[in-house]
Structures are given as structure tokens and as C-alpha cells.
C-alpha atoms as a PDB file:
ATOM      1  CA  UNK A   1     -23.268 -61.405  39.118  1.00  0.00           C
ATOM      2  CA  UNK A   2     -22.768 -60.262  42.100  1.00  0.00           C
ATOM      3  CA  UNK A   3     -19.614 -59.508  43.234  1.00  0.00           C
ATOM      4  CA  UNK A   4     -18.162 -59.452  39.596  1.00  0.00           C
ATOM      5  CA  UNK A   5     -17.187 -55.644  38.461  1.00  0.00           C
ATOM      6  CA  UNK A   6     -16.404 -54.621  35.363  1.00  0.00           C
ATOM      7  CA  UNK A   7     -14.489 -51.523  33.705  1.00  0.00           C
ATOM      8  CA  UNK A   8     -15.842 -49.050  31.491  1.00  0.00           C
ATOM      9  CA  UNK A   9     -13.334 -50.270  28.587  1.00  0.00           C
ATOM     10  CA  UNK A  10     -14.453 -54.178  29.038  1.00  0.00           C
ATOM     11  CA  UNK A  11     -18.121 -52.833  28.325  1.00  0.00           C
ATOM     12  CA  UNK A  12     -17.470 -50.697  24.928  1.00  0.00           C
ATOM     13  CA  UNK A  13     -15.251 -53.900  23.786  1.00  0.00           C
ATOM     14  CA  UNK A  14     -18.039 -56.189  24.687  1.00  0.00           C
ATOM     15  CA  UNK A  15     -20.193 -54.190  22.061  1.00  0.00           C
ATOM     16  CA  UNK A  16     -17.840 -53.781  19.468  1.00  0.00           C
ATOM     17  CA  UNK A  17     -18.611 -56.855  17.999  1.00  0.00           C
ATOM     18  CA  UNK A  18     -22.406 -56.376  18.834  1.00  0.00           C
ATOM     19  CA  UNK A  19     -23.447 -53.285  17.964  1.00  0.00           C
ATOM     20  CA  UNK A  20     -23.263 -50.989  15.066  1.00  0.00           C
ATOM     21  CA  UNK A  21     -20.050 -48.374  15.201  1.00  0.00           C
ATOM     22  CA  UNK A  22     -22.159 -45.404  15.631  1.00  0.00           C
ATOM     23  CA  UNK A  23     -24.549 -47.565  18.111  1.00  0.00           C
ATOM     24  CA  UNK A  24     -21.336 -48.802  20.447  1.00  0.00           C
ATOM     25  CA  UNK A  25     -20.624 -46.344  23.442  1.00  0.00           C
ATOM     26  CA  UNK A  26     -18.189 -43.962  23.517  1.00  0.00           C
ATOM     27  CA  UNK A  27     -18.060 -43.538  27.420  1.00  0.00           C
ATOM     28  CA  UNK A  28     -19.365 -45.670  30.265  1.00  0.00           C
ATOM     29  CA  UNK A  29     -20.756 -43.870  33.348  1.00  0.00           C
ATOM     30  CA  UNK A  30     -20.776 -45.478  36.336  1.00  0.00           C
ATOM     31  CA  UNK A  31     -23.584 -44.025  39.478  1.00  0.00           C
ATOM     32  CA  UNK A  32     -24.841 -45.372  43.232  1.00  0.00           C
ATOM     33  CA  UNK A  33     -28.016 -45.079  42.601  1.00  0.00           C
ATOM     34  CA  UNK A  34     -30.570 -43.797  39.702  1.00  0.00           C
ATOM     35  CA  UNK A  35     -32.870 -40.933  40.458  1.00  0.00           C
ATOM     36  CA  UNK A  36     -36.790 -41.804  41.251  1.00  0.00           C
ATOM     37  CA  UNK A  37     -39.996 -40.038  41.983  1.00  0.00           C
ATOM     38  CA  UNK A  38     -42.108 -41.324  44.742  1.00  0.00           C
ATOM     39  CA  UNK A  39     -44.085 -43.938  42.830  1.00  0.00           C
ATOM     40  CA  UNK A  40     -40.662 -45.794  41.776  1.00  0.00           C
ATOM     41  CA  UNK A  41     -40.128 -44.301  38.175  1.00  0.00           C
ATOM     42  CA  UNK A  42     -36.410 -43.459  36.717  1.00  0.00           C
ATOM     43  CA  UNK A  43     -36.071 -39.493  36.443  1.00  0.00           C
ATOM     44  CA  UNK A  44     -34.640 -39.656  33.166  1.00  0.00           C
ATOM     45  CA  UNK A  45     -34.651 -35.108  33.057  1.00  0.00           C
ATOM     46  CA  UNK A  46     -32.655 -35.594  35.950  1.00  0.00           C
ATOM     47  CA  UNK A  47     -30.145 -38.112  34.371  1.00  0.00           C
ATOM     48  CA  UNK A  48     -29.682 -35.859  31.400  1.00  0.00           C
ATOM     49  CA  UNK A  49     -29.164 -32.877  33.188  1.00  0.00           C
ATOM     50  CA  UNK A  50     -26.178 -33.778  34.059  1.00  0.00           C
ATOM     51  CA  UNK A  51     -24.807 -33.700  30.266  1.00  0.00           C
ATOM     52  CA  UNK A  52     -26.736 -30.975  28.785  1.00  0.00           C
ATOM     53  CA  UNK A  53     -26.249 -28.554  31.510  1.00  0.00           C
ATOM     54  CA  UNK A  54     -27.315 -25.607  30.491  1.00  0.00           C
ATOM     55  CA  UNK A  55     -28.090 -25.814  26.772  1.00  0.00           C
ATOM     56  CA  UNK A  56     -31.481 -24.563  25.443  1.00  0.00           C
ATOM     57  CA  UNK A  57     -32.309 -27.357  23.620  1.00  0.00           C
ATOM     58  CA  UNK A  58     -32.137 -30.622  25.175  1.00  0.00           C
ATOM     59  CA  UNK A  59     -32.772 -34.183  23.702  1.00  0.00           C
END
């Protein structure tokens, strides 16, 4: 809903009863805008680079 704000804790708490323990997120990050290519598709590799950094094996 517009004008509503959620915290990371509220999102994680919501998932407790809905998801299995191993699927529940441990953390939630908020970003202002998703990176997209010229055709509008979300660039998942750019999102992953923030977390995987310089590791040789990336999932």
C-alpha cells in the first residue's frame, strides 16, 4: 500500500509462520531502484555482485 513503511524485522517476522525455517530470510536490504537493462529486465548479476564481491564461485 502506498504510504506504508515496513521494517526488515516486520518482514522477517511475517515469514516465520509462512515459510520453513531454512527458507526464512536472515536479513532484508532495501534499495531505491532495481538495476535494469535497456529493455527493462532486472539485472540480477548486478544485484548479486554486491553480496558475492570478488569470490571466484558465484551462485
